Amino acid sequence: MIQFRSLRGLSMVWLALSLAGPHSAALAESDDVVKQTYKRPAEIPFPLDNPYTPEKTALGKALYFDPRLSGAQNMNCATCHNPSFGWEVPVKTPVGAQNKALARQAPTILNVAWVHPFFWDGRAPSAEEQAKGPIQSEMEMNLQLTDAVRRLKQIPDYDAWFNKVFPDRGITADTIVAAIATFERTVVASYSPFDAWIDGNETAISQSAKRGFSLFNGKAACARCHTGWNFTDNRFHDIGTTSTDIGRGALEPDNVFAQYAFKTPTLRDTAQRAPYMHDGSFATLNDVLAHYLKGGIDRPSRSKLLKRINLNNQEVADVIEFLKSLTGSKQVVVLPVLPN
């Protein structure tokens, strides 16, 4: 089991229930009981082998926004994970180094401290391993980490910074991704009207959103997969989309339920993060609800948790109103001054 050290005071309140599975038992209780499973955490977890420091976080932020980590020096991590759009991009799928649209949407980096594993198919076990992928992918940033190390070592300020943060290692492939992952773990969804309601402010969200919350946890059954404060079970499900991408199935070819299965995304700040799904195929939240109402493609791999549901127009509107309440205020991200 991975152990964590924590950074206090960057969020509100975290109950152990936020890591619980589907709310099957809780759904029999009142909304007040169910609400407690959605409390915000009070601490950001960091792995013991890559603990938090302010200096490492600042270094990781510089690297995140530095185009010199791409082969042509014209892309950075924010190219696909833009803070202005919920740390994604507002197009169907991002455009990579080859000036071609990628096959999958860029997952948000919001709340990655509570995410595991990484990528839509879960092929990376940690944020550090995930960071290696886009940098080195020919279709994305197209720069081998060995070349990134040589490039950064030629920048005196980076060399000095790495030697301060990693005095025993300096600039290496592993220290580059360790810094980026540390910064990404500090990217936490902002306090939303829903959070204020959970904390006792009954006027923070509308009556429609409150009805939507009840539907989300009950009749609409969204909480079967979108659980806990981050609204994800961190598992993989085939939800019956029309995609030919087999997703998790490429890693688990003998598991029928891994075919066409993709990781459950967080719903935090979801109103800022259109389009939706792993391939950006749904433009609006209405499109998403319409898909779930139909139940998706009936095939052997389709998740047993996915059931066709019958919601009327008002109920659909209420669920969407609830989802919108999960979006907090826009976070102002100050761009770093990059080392020379």
C-alpha atoms as a PDB file:
ATOM      1  CA  MET A   1       0.000   0.000   0.000  1.00  0.00           C
ATOM      2  CA  ILE A   2       1.277   3.476  -0.890  1.00  0.00           C
ATOM      3  CA  GLN A   3       1.820   5.705   2.110  1.00  0.00           C
ATOM      4  CA  PHE A   4       1.494   9.468   1.947  1.00  0.00           C
ATOM      5  CA  ARG A   5       2.637  12.546   3.721  1.00  0.00           C
ATOM      6  CA  SER A   6       0.227  15.430   3.541  1.00  0.00           C
ATOM      7  CA  LEU A   7       0.155  19.184   3.014  1.00  0.00           C
ATOM      8  CA  ARG A   8      -2.422  20.741   5.345  1.00  0.00           C
ATOM      9  CA  GLY A   9      -4.680  23.685   4.723  1.00  0.00           C
ATOM     10  CA  LEU A  10      -5.066  23.567   0.928  1.00  0.00           C
ATOM     11  CA  SER A  11      -8.633  22.332   1.020  1.00  0.00           C
ATOM     12  CA  MET A  12     -11.535  22.086   3.461  1.00  0.00           C
ATOM     13  CA  VAL A  13     -12.466  18.843   5.222  1.00  0.00           C
ATOM     14  CA  TRP A  14     -11.613  15.268   4.251  1.00  0.00           C
ATOM     15  CA  LEU A  15     -13.438  12.316   5.736  1.00  0.00           C
ATOM     16  CA  ALA A  16     -12.304   8.782   5.197  1.00  0.00           C
ATOM     17  CA  LEU A  17     -15.665   8.197   3.566  1.00  0.00           C
ATOM     18  CA  SER A  18     -14.494  10.208   0.571  1.00  0.00           C
ATOM     19  CA  LEU A  19     -12.444   7.187  -0.467  1.00  0.00           C
ATOM     20  CA  ALA A  20     -15.402   4.824  -0.155  1.00  0.00           C
ATOM     21  CA  GLY A  21     -16.864   2.831  -2.999  1.00  0.00           C
ATOM     22  CA  PRO A  22     -20.375   3.133  -4.465  1.00  0.00           C
ATOM     23  CA  HIS A  23     -22.995   4.497  -2.121  1.00  0.00           C
ATOM     24  CA  SER A  24     -25.258   1.432  -2.227  1.00  0.00           C
ATOM     25  CA  ALA A  25     -25.826   1.399   1.542  1.00  0.00           C
ATOM     26  CA  ALA A  26     -25.840   5.157   1.951  1.00  0.00           C
ATOM     27  CA  LEU A  27     -28.536   5.609  -0.660  1.00  0.00           C
ATOM     28  CA  ALA A  28     -31.013   4.088   1.751  1.00  0.00           C
ATOM     29  CA  GLU A  29     -30.274   6.900   4.176  1.00  0.00           C
ATOM     30  CA  SER A  30     -31.197  10.557   3.957  1.00  0.00           C
ATOM     31  CA  ASP A  31     -29.446  13.074   1.745  1.00  0.00           C
ATOM     32  CA  ASP A  32     -27.800  14.466   4.882  1.00  0.00           C
ATOM     33  CA  VAL A  33     -26.021  11.151   5.422  1.00  0.00           C
ATOM     34  CA  VAL A  34     -25.040  10.824   1.773  1.00  0.00           C
ATOM     35  CA  LYS A  35     -23.743  14.406   1.773  1.00  0.00           C
ATOM     36  CA  GLN A  36     -21.046  13.506   4.271  1.00  0.00           C
ATOM     37  CA  THR A  37     -19.383  11.203   1.729  1.00  0.00           C
ATOM     38  CA  TYR A  38     -18.707  14.244  -0.482  1.00  0.00           C
ATOM     39  CA  LYS A  39     -16.778  16.346   2.049  1.00  0.00           C
ATOM     40  CA  ARG A  40     -13.673  18.048   0.677  1.00  0.00           C
ATOM     41  CA  PRO A  41     -10.310  16.832   1.994  1.00  0.00           C
ATOM     42  CA  ALA A  42      -8.253  18.852   4.441  1.00  0.00           C
ATOM     43  CA  GLU A  43      -4.948  17.539   3.144  1.00  0.00           C
ATOM     44  CA  ILE A  44      -3.274  16.880  -0.172  1.00  0.00           C
ATOM     45  CA  PRO A  45      -1.598  13.464  -0.181  1.00  0.00           C
ATOM     46  CA  PHE A  46       1.969  13.248  -1.479  1.00  0.00           C
ATOM     47  CA  PRO A  47       3.914   9.986  -1.861  1.00  0.00           C
ATOM     48  CA  LEU A  48       6.733   9.400   0.599  1.00  0.00           C
ATOM     49  CA  ASP A  49       9.225   8.945  -2.228  1.00  0.00           C
ATOM     50  CA  ASN A  50       8.326  12.363  -3.662  1.00  0.00           C
ATOM     51  CA  PRO A  51       7.326  14.608  -0.746  1.00  0.00           C
ATOM     52  CA  TYR A  52       6.074  18.159  -1.083  1.00  0.00           C
ATOM     53  CA  THR A  53       8.350  21.168  -0.815  1.00  0.00           C
ATOM     54  CA  PRO A  54       7.508  24.708  -1.969  1.00  0.00           C
ATOM     55  CA  GLU A  55      10.713  24.863  -3.996  1.00  0.00           C
ATOM     56  CA  LYS A  56       9.969  21.621  -5.823  1.00  0.00           C
ATOM     57  CA  THR A  57       6.430  22.785  -6.557  1.00  0.00           C
ATOM     58  CA  ALA A  58       7.687  26.075  -7.996  1.00  0.00           C
ATOM     59  CA  LEU A  59      10.208  24.200 -10.136  1.00  0.00           C
ATOM     60  CA  GLY A  60       7.503  21.840 -11.356  1.00  0.00           C
ATOM     61  CA  LYS A  61       5.275  24.757 -12.272  1.00  0.00           C
ATOM     62  CA  ALA A  62       8.061  26.320 -14.354  1.00  0.00           C
ATOM     63  CA  LEU A  63       8.607  23.024 -16.161  1.00  0.00           C
ATOM     64  CA  TYR A  64       4.868  22.582 -16.706  1.00  0.00           C
ATOM     65  CA  PHE A  65       4.676  25.872 -18.594  1.00  0.00           C
ATOM     66  CA  ASP A  66       8.073  25.671 -20.313  1.00  0.00           C
ATOM     67  CA  PRO A  67       7.917  24.950 -24.084  1.00  0.00           C
ATOM     68  CA  ARG A  68      11.550  23.840 -23.982  1.00  0.00           C
ATOM     69  CA  LEU A  69      10.243  20.468 -22.830  1.00  0.00           C
ATOM     70  CA  SER A  70       8.930  19.857 -26.333  1.00  0.00           C
ATOM     71  CA  GLY A  71      10.977  18.872 -29.337  1.00  0.00           C
ATOM     72  CA  ALA A  72      10.161  21.965 -31.392  1.00  0.00           C
ATOM     73  CA  GLN A  73      10.016  24.165 -28.274  1.00  0.00           C
ATOM     74  CA  ASN A  74       6.485  25.229 -29.186  1.00  0.00           C
ATOM     75  CA  MET A  75       4.368  23.189 -26.739  1.00  0.00           C
ATOM     76  CA  ASN A  76       4.162  22.729 -23.011  1.00  0.00           C
ATOM     77  CA  CYS A  77       2.012  20.691 -20.644  1.00  0.00           C
ATOM     78  CA  ALA A  78      -0.570  23.478 -20.634  1.00  0.00           C
ATOM     79  CA  THR A  79      -1.030  23.104 -24.395  1.00  0.00           C
ATOM     80  CA  CYS A  80      -3.279  20.129 -23.646  1.00  0.00           C
ATOM     81  CA  HIS A  81      -4.014  20.804 -19.962  1.00  0.00           C
ATOM     82  CA  ASN A  82      -4.938  24.482 -19.972  1.00  0.00           C
ATOM     83  CA  PRO A  83      -5.950  26.099 -16.655  1.00  0.00           C
ATOM     84  CA  SER A  84      -8.386  28.356 -18.497  1.00  0.00           C
ATOM     85  CA  PHE A  85     -10.496  25.359 -19.510  1.00  0.00           C
ATOM     86  CA  GLY A  86     -10.552  23.204 -16.387  1.00  0.00           C
ATOM     87  CA  TRP A  87      -6.985  22.043 -17.148  1.00  0.00           C
ATOM     88  CA  GLU A  88      -8.124  20.510 -20.448  1.00  0.00           C
ATOM     89  CA  VAL A  89      -8.719  22.004 -23.891  1.00  0.00           C
ATOM     90  CA  PRO A  90     -12.076  23.148 -25.357  1.00  0.00           C
ATOM     91  CA  VAL A  91     -11.797  21.059 -28.515  1.00  0.00           C
ATOM     92  CA  LYS A  92     -12.745  17.478 -29.273  1.00  0.00           C
ATOM     93  CA  THR A  93      -9.161  16.284 -28.814  1.00  0.00           C
ATOM     94  CA  PRO A  94      -5.877  18.218 -28.503  1.00  0.00           C
ATOM     95  CA  VAL A  95      -3.501  18.811 -31.397  1.00  0.00           C
ATOM     96  CA  GLY A  96      -0.026  17.356 -30.897  1.00  0.00           C
ATOM     97  CA  ALA A  97       3.480  17.876 -32.218  1.00  0.00           C
ATOM     98  CA  GLN A  98       2.678  16.426 -35.634  1.00  0.00           C
ATOM     99  CA  ASN A  99      -0.074  19.038 -36.059  1.00  0.00           C
ATOM    100  CA  LYS A 100      -2.618  16.235 -35.888  1.00  0.00           C
ATOM    101  CA  ALA A 101      -5.529  15.784 -33.536  1.00  0.00           C
ATOM    102  CA  LEU A 102      -4.850  13.142 -30.901  1.00  0.00           C
ATOM    103  CA  ALA A 103      -7.094  10.126 -30.553  1.00  0.00           C
ATOM    104  CA  ARG A 104      -8.153  10.927 -26.992  1.00  0.00           C
ATOM    105  CA  GLN A 105      -9.167  13.985 -25.033  1.00  0.00           C
ATOM    106  CA  ALA A 106      -6.633  15.263 -22.499  1.00  0.00           C
ATOM    107  CA  PRO A 107      -7.809  14.293 -18.991  1.00  0.00           C
ATOM    108  CA  THR A 108      -7.875  17.163 -16.531  1.00  0.00           C
ATOM    109  CA  ILE A 109      -5.064  17.396 -13.992  1.00  0.00           C
ATOM    110  CA  LEU A 110      -7.502  18.652 -11.355  1.00  0.00           C
ATOM    111  CA  ASN A 111      -7.182  16.645  -8.155  1.00  0.00           C
ATOM    112  CA  VAL A 112      -4.542  14.257  -9.515  1.00  0.00           C
ATOM    113  CA  ALA A 113      -3.304  13.793  -5.949  1.00  0.00           C
ATOM    114  CA  TRP A 114      -6.361  11.586  -5.446  1.00  0.00           C
ATOM    115  CA  VAL A 115      -6.167   9.873  -8.839  1.00  0.00           C
ATOM    116  CA  HIS A 116      -4.750   6.421  -9.597  1.00  0.00           C
ATOM    117  CA  PRO A 117      -3.816   5.012 -12.016  1.00  0.00           C
ATOM    118  CA  PHE A 118      -3.305   7.508 -14.864  1.00  0.00           C
ATOM    119  CA  PHE A 119      -4.360   7.984 -18.491  1.00  0.00           C
ATOM    120  CA  TRP A 120      -7.778   7.001 -19.766  1.00  0.00           C
ATOM    121  CA  ASP A 121      -6.611   3.378 -19.892  1.00  0.00           C
ATOM    122  CA  GLY A 122      -4.689   3.431 -16.605  1.00  0.00           C
ATOM    123  CA  ARG A 123      -1.346   2.442 -18.113  1.00  0.00           C
ATOM    124  CA  ALA A 124       0.695   4.687 -15.779  1.00  0.00           C
ATOM    125  CA  PRO A 125       0.684   3.865 -12.049  1.00  0.00           C
ATOM    126  CA  SER A 126       1.703   7.328 -10.837  1.00  0.00           C
ATOM    127  CA  ALA A 127       1.726  10.997 -11.782  1.00  0.00           C
ATOM    128  CA  GLU A 128       5.492  10.733 -12.221  1.00  0.00           C
ATOM    129  CA  GLU A 129       5.159   7.926 -14.764  1.00  0.00           C
ATOM    130  CA  GLN A 130       2.303   9.734 -16.477  1.00  0.00           C
ATOM    131  CA  ALA A 131       4.437  12.843 -16.995  1.00  0.00           C
ATOM    132  CA  LYS A 132       6.974  10.838 -18.968  1.00  0.00           C
ATOM    133  CA  GLY A 133       4.421   9.806 -21.578  1.00  0.00           C
ATOM    134  CA  PRO A 134       3.350  13.075 -23.244  1.00  0.00           C
ATOM    135  CA  ILE A 135       6.853  14.563 -23.169  1.00  0.00           C
ATOM    136  CA  GLN A 136       8.333  11.615 -25.049  1.00  0.00           C
ATOM    137  CA  SER A 137       5.395  10.765 -27.315  1.00  0.00           C
ATOM    138  CA  GLU A 138       6.092  11.554 -30.971  1.00  0.00           C
ATOM    139  CA  MET A 139       2.451  12.557 -31.355  1.00  0.00           C
ATOM    140  CA  GLU A 140       2.476  14.902 -28.350  1.00  0.00           C
ATOM    141  CA  MET A 141       5.522  16.882 -27.132  1.00  0.00           C
ATOM    142  CA  ASN A 142       8.075  14.759 -29.006  1.00  0.00           C
ATOM    143  CA  LEU A 143      11.163  15.142 -26.806  1.00  0.00           C
ATOM    144  CA  GLN A 144      13.060  12.240 -25.291  1.00  0.00           C
ATOM    145  CA  LEU A 145      13.818  12.798 -21.620  1.00  0.00           C
ATOM    146  CA  THR A 146      17.525  12.232 -22.243  1.00  0.00           C
ATOM    147  CA  ASP A 147      17.414  15.188 -24.618  1.00  0.00           C
ATOM    148  CA  ALA A 148      15.386  17.183 -22.103  1.00  0.00           C
ATOM    149  CA  VAL A 149      18.081  16.601 -19.480  1.00  0.00           C
ATOM    150  CA  ARG A 150      20.806  17.839 -21.832  1.00  0.00           C
ATOM    151  CA  ARG A 151      18.735  20.860 -22.806  1.00  0.00           C
ATOM    152  CA  LEU A 152      17.946  21.896 -19.232  1.00  0.00           C
ATOM    153  CA  LYS A 153      21.527  21.426 -18.079  1.00  0.00           C
ATOM    154  CA  GLN A 154      22.527  24.111 -20.567  1.00  0.00           C
ATOM    155  CA  ILE A 155      20.292  26.626 -18.734  1.00  0.00           C
ATOM    156  CA  PRO A 156      22.262  27.898 -15.697  1.00  0.00           C
ATOM    157  CA  ASP A 157      19.228  28.878 -13.639  1.00  0.00           C
ATOM    158  CA  TYR A 158      17.617  25.453 -14.088  1.00  0.00           C
ATOM    159  CA  ASP A 159      20.881  23.726 -13.225  1.00  0.00           C
ATOM    160  CA  ALA A 160      21.148  25.717  -9.987  1.00  0.00           C
ATOM    161  CA  TRP A 161      17.471  25.216  -9.150  1.00  0.00           C
ATOM    162  CA  PHE A 162      17.572  21.440  -9.621  1.00  0.00           C
ATOM    163  CA  ASN A 163      20.749  21.189  -7.533  1.00  0.00           C
ATOM    164  CA  LYS A 164      18.961  23.005  -4.723  1.00  0.00           C
ATOM    165  CA  VAL A 165      15.766  20.951  -4.894  1.00  0.00           C
ATOM    166  CA  PHE A 166      17.490  17.628  -5.620  1.00  0.00           C
ATOM    167  CA  PRO A 167      20.982  18.114  -4.108  1.00  0.00           C
ATOM    168  CA  ASP A 168      21.892  14.453  -4.481  1.00  0.00           C
ATOM    169  CA  ARG A 169      20.744  14.134  -8.101  1.00  0.00           C
ATOM    170  CA  GLY A 170      20.435  17.426  -9.948  1.00  0.00           C
ATOM    171  CA  ILE A 171      18.791  17.311 -13.383  1.00  0.00           C
ATOM    172  CA  THR A 172      17.734  13.806 -14.377  1.00  0.00           C
ATOM    173  CA  ALA A 173      14.733  12.334 -16.166  1.00  0.00           C
ATOM    174  CA  ASP A 174      13.321  11.256 -12.812  1.00  0.00           C
ATOM    175  CA  THR A 175      13.778  14.621 -11.114  1.00  0.00           C
ATOM    176  CA  ILE A 176      12.128  16.415 -14.035  1.00  0.00           C
ATOM    177  CA  VAL A 177       8.946  14.342 -13.751  1.00  0.00           C
ATOM    178  CA  ALA A 178       9.092  14.367  -9.926  1.00  0.00           C
ATOM    179  CA  ALA A 179       8.928  18.175  -9.962  1.00  0.00           C
ATOM    180  CA  ILE A 180       6.115  18.270 -12.519  1.00  0.00           C
ATOM    181  CA  ALA A 181       4.094  15.678 -10.582  1.00  0.00           C
ATOM    182  CA  THR A 182       4.528  17.636  -7.348  1.00  0.00           C
ATOM    183  CA  PHE A 183       3.177  20.788  -8.955  1.00  0.00           C
ATOM    184  CA  GLU A 184       0.269  18.888 -10.499  1.00  0.00           C
ATOM    185  CA  ARG A 185      -0.711  17.470  -7.107  1.00  0.00           C
ATOM    186  CA  THR A 186      -1.235  21.014  -5.834  1.00  0.00           C
ATOM    187  CA  VAL A 187      -3.827  21.686  -8.563  1.00  0.00           C
ATOM    188  CA  VAL A 188      -7.051  21.238  -6.615  1.00  0.00           C
ATOM    189  CA  ALA A 189     -10.560  22.109  -7.744  1.00  0.00           C
ATOM    190  CA  SER A 190     -11.742  25.347  -6.175  1.00  0.00           C
ATOM    191  CA  TYR A 191     -14.424  25.584  -3.514  1.00  0.00           C
ATOM    192  CA  SER A 192     -17.769  25.297  -5.255  1.00  0.00           C
ATOM    193  CA  PRO A 193     -21.385  26.147  -4.381  1.00  0.00           C
ATOM    194  CA  PHE A 194     -21.883  22.419  -3.817  1.00  0.00           C
ATOM    195  CA  ASP A 195     -19.085  22.428  -1.220  1.00  0.00           C
ATOM    196  CA  ALA A 196     -20.715  25.361   0.561  1.00  0.00           C
ATOM    197  CA  TRP A 197     -23.977  23.422   0.651  1.00  0.00           C
ATOM    198  CA  ILE A 198     -22.216  20.352   2.018  1.00  0.00           C
ATOM    199  CA  ASP A 199     -20.731  22.604   4.720  1.00  0.00           C
ATOM    200  CA  GLY A 200     -24.174  23.733   5.798  1.00  0.00           C
ATOM    201  CA  ASN A 201     -25.118  26.728   3.647  1.00  0.00           C
ATOM    202  CA  GLU A 202     -28.593  25.733   2.486  1.00  0.00           C
ATOM    203  CA  THR A 203     -28.862  28.693   0.119  1.00  0.00           C
ATOM    204  CA  ALA A 204     -25.603  27.926  -1.722  1.00  0.00           C
ATOM    205  CA  ILE A 205     -27.309  25.880  -4.437  1.00  0.00           C
ATOM    206  CA  SER A 206     -30.753  25.985  -5.992  1.00  0.00           C
ATOM    207  CA  GLN A 207     -33.687  23.701  -5.236  1.00  0.00           C
ATOM    208  CA  SER A 208     -33.192  22.245  -8.708  1.00  0.00           C
ATOM    209  CA  ALA A 209     -29.582  21.336  -7.866  1.00  0.00           C
ATOM    210  CA  LYS A 210     -30.704  19.741  -4.597  1.00  0.00           C
ATOM    211  CA  ARG A 211     -33.194  17.612  -6.481  1.00  0.00           C
ATOM    212  CA  GLY A 212     -30.416  16.772  -8.928  1.00  0.00           C
ATOM    213  CA  PHE A 213     -28.206  15.622  -6.047  1.00  0.00           C
ATOM    214  CA  SER A 214     -30.926  13.231  -4.894  1.00  0.00           C
ATOM    215  CA  LEU A 215     -31.338  11.924  -8.431  1.00  0.00           C
ATOM    216  CA  PHE A 216     -27.565  11.615  -8.865  1.00  0.00           C
ATOM    217  CA  ASN A 217     -27.363   9.350  -5.829  1.00  0.00           C
ATOM    218  CA  GLY A 218     -30.665   7.594  -6.418  1.00  0.00           C
ATOM    219  CA  LYS A 219     -32.786   7.156  -9.524  1.00  0.00           C
ATOM    220  CA  ALA A 220     -30.147   8.315 -12.019  1.00  0.00           C
ATOM    221  CA  ALA A 221     -27.522   6.062 -10.333  1.00  0.00           C
ATOM    222  CA  CYS A 222     -24.589   8.287 -11.302  1.00  0.00           C
ATOM    223  CA  ALA A 223     -22.949   7.635  -7.922  1.00  0.00           C
ATOM    224  CA  ARG A 224     -22.361   4.022  -8.846  1.00  0.00           C
ATOM    225  CA  CYS A 225     -19.165   5.240 -10.529  1.00  0.00           C
ATOM    226  CA  HIS A 226     -18.832   8.924  -9.627  1.00  0.00           C
ATOM    227  CA  THR A 227     -18.161   8.494  -5.914  1.00  0.00           C
ATOM    228  CA  GLY A 228     -16.478  10.431  -3.128  1.00  0.00           C
ATOM    229  CA  TRP A 229     -15.397  14.061  -3.013  1.00  0.00           C
ATOM    230  CA  ASN A 230     -13.649  13.777  -6.392  1.00  0.00           C
ATOM    231  CA  PHE A 231     -16.632  12.038  -7.991  1.00  0.00           C
ATOM    232  CA  THR A 232     -14.716   9.069  -9.377  1.00  0.00           C
ATOM    233  CA  ASP A 233     -14.200   5.458  -8.363  1.00  0.00           C
ATOM    234  CA  ASN A 234     -10.828   5.464 -10.194  1.00  0.00           C
ATOM    235  CA  ARG A 235     -12.001   2.378 -12.085  1.00  0.00           C
ATOM    236  CA  PHE A 236     -12.628   1.466 -15.711  1.00  0.00           C
ATOM    237  CA  HIS A 237     -16.003   0.969 -17.327  1.00  0.00           C
ATOM    238  CA  ASP A 238     -17.391   0.427 -20.806  1.00  0.00           C
ATOM    239  CA  ILE A 239     -20.276   2.871 -20.888  1.00  0.00           C
ATOM    240  CA  GLY A 240     -21.387   1.842 -24.359  1.00  0.00           C
ATOM    241  CA  THR A 241     -20.017   4.650 -26.503  1.00  0.00           C
ATOM    242  CA  THR A 242     -19.588   4.194 -30.236  1.00  0.00           C
ATOM    243  CA  SER A 243     -15.816   4.425 -30.080  1.00  0.00           C
ATOM    244  CA  THR A 244     -13.683   1.714 -31.669  1.00  0.00           C
ATOM    245  CA  ASP A 245     -10.927   2.469 -29.151  1.00  0.00           C
ATOM    246  CA  ILE A 246     -10.746  -0.577 -26.840  1.00  0.00           C
ATOM    247  CA  GLY A 247      -9.229   1.459 -23.986  1.00  0.00           C
ATOM    248  CA  ARG A 248      -8.274  -0.651 -20.981  1.00  0.00           C
ATOM    249  CA  GLY A 249      -8.754  -3.714 -23.138  1.00  0.00           C
ATOM    250  CA  ALA A 250      -5.317  -3.197 -24.683  1.00  0.00           C
ATOM    251  CA  LEU A 251      -3.802  -3.800 -21.235  1.00  0.00           C
ATOM    252  CA  GLU A 252      -6.188  -6.573 -20.211  1.00  0.00           C
ATOM    253  CA  PRO A 253      -6.983  -8.458 -23.416  1.00  0.00           C
ATOM    254  CA  ASP A 254      -8.470 -11.445 -21.591  1.00  0.00           C
ATOM    255  CA  ASN A 255     -10.822  -9.377 -19.445  1.00  0.00           C
ATOM    256  CA  VAL A 256     -14.103  -8.947 -21.265  1.00  0.00           C
ATOM    257  CA  PHE A 257     -15.131  -6.009 -19.075  1.00  0.00           C
ATOM    258  CA  ALA A 258     -11.900  -4.155 -19.869  1.00  0.00           C
ATOM    259  CA  GLN A 259     -12.815  -3.924 -23.545  1.00  0.00           C
ATOM    260  CA  TYR A 260     -13.893  -0.379 -24.511  1.00  0.00           C
ATOM    261  CA  ALA A 261     -13.477   0.572 -20.846  1.00  0.00           C
ATOM    262  CA  PHE A 262     -12.141   3.959 -19.785  1.00  0.00           C
ATOM    263  CA  LYS A 263     -11.391   5.533 -16.453  1.00  0.00           C
ATOM    264  CA  THR A 264     -14.188   7.311 -14.631  1.00  0.00           C
ATOM    265  CA  PRO A 265     -13.336  11.043 -14.803  1.00  0.00           C
ATOM    266  CA  THR A 266     -13.813  13.503 -11.984  1.00  0.00           C
ATOM    267  CA  LEU A 267     -16.895  15.695 -12.238  1.00  0.00           C
ATOM    268  CA  ARG A 268     -15.268  18.616 -10.447  1.00  0.00           C
ATOM    269  CA  ASP A 269     -15.441  21.816 -12.533  1.00  0.00           C
ATOM    270  CA  THR A 270     -17.189  19.758 -15.189  1.00  0.00           C
ATOM    271  CA  ALA A 271     -19.070  22.774 -16.554  1.00  0.00           C
ATOM    272  CA  GLN A 272     -15.699  24.233 -17.623  1.00  0.00           C
ATOM    273  CA  ARG A 273     -14.486  21.049 -19.280  1.00  0.00           C
ATOM    274  CA  ALA A 274     -16.543  20.432 -22.408  1.00  0.00           C
ATOM    275  CA  PRO A 275     -16.436  18.468 -24.632  1.00  0.00           C
ATOM    276  CA  TYR A 276     -16.869  15.221 -22.745  1.00  0.00           C
ATOM    277  CA  MET A 277     -15.844  11.554 -22.793  1.00  0.00           C
ATOM    278  CA  HIS A 278     -12.454  10.050 -23.618  1.00  0.00           C
ATOM    279  CA  ASP A 279     -12.790  11.097 -27.250  1.00  0.00           C
ATOM    280  CA  GLY A 280     -14.558  14.426 -26.766  1.00  0.00           C
ATOM    281  CA  SER A 281     -17.553  13.059 -28.635  1.00  0.00           C
ATOM    282  CA  PHE A 282     -20.237  14.777 -26.531  1.00  0.00           C
ATOM    283  CA  ALA A 283     -20.352  18.551 -26.799  1.00  0.00           C
ATOM    284  CA  THR A 284     -22.622  19.304 -23.846  1.00  0.00           C
ATOM    285  CA  LEU A 285     -23.811  17.900 -20.544  1.00  0.00           C
ATOM    286  CA  ASN A 286     -27.205  17.404 -22.198  1.00  0.00           C
ATOM    287  CA  ASP A 287     -25.510  15.113 -24.712  1.00  0.00           C
ATOM    288  CA  VAL A 288     -23.943  13.160 -21.863  1.00  0.00           C
ATOM    289  CA  LEU A 289     -27.278  12.688 -20.094  1.00  0.00           C
ATOM    290  CA  ALA A 290     -28.946  11.704 -23.354  1.00  0.00           C
ATOM    291  CA  HIS A 291     -26.374   8.957 -23.800  1.00  0.00           C
ATOM    292  CA  TYR A 292     -26.963   7.556 -20.325  1.00  0.00           C
ATOM    293  CA  LEU A 293     -30.726   7.666 -20.795  1.00  0.00           C
ATOM    294  CA  LYS A 294     -30.332   5.394 -23.820  1.00  0.00           C
ATOM    295  CA  GLY A 295     -27.936   3.066 -22.031  1.00  0.00           C
ATOM    296  CA  GLY A 296     -25.245   2.951 -24.692  1.00  0.00           C
ATOM    297  CA  ILE A 297     -24.303   0.055 -26.946  1.00  0.00           C
ATOM    298  CA  ASP A 298     -25.408  -3.304 -25.588  1.00  0.00           C
ATOM    299  CA  ARG A 299     -22.336  -5.533 -25.811  1.00  0.00           C
ATOM    300  CA  PRO A 300     -20.658  -8.133 -23.553  1.00  0.00           C
ATOM    301  CA  SER A 301     -18.156  -5.607 -22.186  1.00  0.00           C
ATOM    302  CA  ARG A 302     -20.720  -2.991 -21.197  1.00  0.00           C
ATOM    303  CA  SER A 303     -20.520  -2.270 -17.490  1.00  0.00           C
ATOM    304  CA  LYS A 304     -23.070  -4.039 -15.326  1.00  0.00           C
ATOM    305  CA  LEU A 305     -23.371  -0.766 -13.426  1.00  0.00           C
ATOM    306  CA  LEU A 306     -24.747   0.944 -16.527  1.00  0.00           C
ATOM    307  CA  LYS A 307     -28.512   0.643 -16.591  1.00  0.00           C
ATOM    308  CA  ARG A 308     -30.940   2.386 -18.852  1.00  0.00           C
ATOM    309  CA  ILE A 309     -32.703   5.025 -16.785  1.00  0.00           C
ATOM    310  CA  ASN A 310     -35.954   6.882 -17.278  1.00  0.00           C
ATOM    311  CA  LEU A 311     -35.740  10.567 -16.422  1.00  0.00           C
ATOM    312  CA  ASN A 312     -38.182  13.205 -17.539  1.00  0.00           C
ATOM    313  CA  ASN A 313     -37.075  16.565 -18.884  1.00  0.00           C
ATOM    314  CA  GLN A 314     -37.272  18.258 -15.479  1.00  0.00           C
ATOM    315  CA  GLU A 315     -35.199  15.522 -13.867  1.00  0.00           C
ATOM    316  CA  VAL A 316     -32.536  15.811 -16.565  1.00  0.00           C
ATOM    317  CA  ALA A 317     -32.436  19.563 -16.003  1.00  0.00           C
ATOM    318  CA  ASP A 318     -32.092  19.006 -12.247  1.00  0.00           C
ATOM    319  CA  VAL A 319     -29.146  16.623 -12.645  1.00  0.00           C
ATOM    320  CA  ILE A 320     -27.399  19.096 -14.939  1.00  0.00           C
ATOM    321  CA  GLU A 321     -28.059  21.911 -12.478  1.00  0.00           C
ATOM    322  CA  PHE A 322     -26.435  19.802  -9.777  1.00  0.00           C
ATOM    323  CA  LEU A 323     -23.421  19.083 -12.000  1.00  0.00           C
ATOM    324  CA  LYS A 324     -23.005  22.800 -12.616  1.00  0.00           C
ATOM    325  CA  SER A 325     -22.899  23.363  -8.846  1.00  0.00           C
ATOM    326  CA  LEU A 326     -19.643  21.376  -8.757  1.00  0.00           C
ATOM    327  CA  THR A 327     -17.843  24.175 -10.583  1.00  0.00           C
ATOM    328  CA  GLY A 328     -16.112  26.665  -8.338  1.00  0.00           C
ATOM    329  CA  SER A 329     -14.800  30.108  -9.070  1.00  0.00           C
ATOM    330  CA  LYS A 330     -12.182  30.509 -11.766  1.00  0.00           C
ATOM    331  CA  GLN A 331      -8.703  30.102 -10.364  1.00  0.00           C
ATOM    332  CA  VAL A 332      -6.165  32.751 -11.288  1.00  0.00           C
ATOM    333  CA  VAL A 333      -2.990  30.983 -12.350  1.00  0.00           C
ATOM    334  CA  VAL A 334       0.036  33.267 -12.454  1.00  0.00           C
ATOM    335  CA  LEU A 335       2.451  32.174 -15.152  1.00  0.00           C
ATOM    336  CA  PRO A 336       5.978  31.579 -13.886  1.00  0.00           C
ATOM    337  CA  VAL A 337       9.032  33.506 -14.985  1.00  0.00           C
ATOM    338  CA  LEU A 338      11.022  30.859 -16.821  1.00  0.00           C
ATOM    339  CA  PRO A 339      14.729  30.393 -16.086  1.00  0.00           C
ATOM    340  CA  ASN A 340      17.318  31.578 -18.605  1.00  0.00           C
END
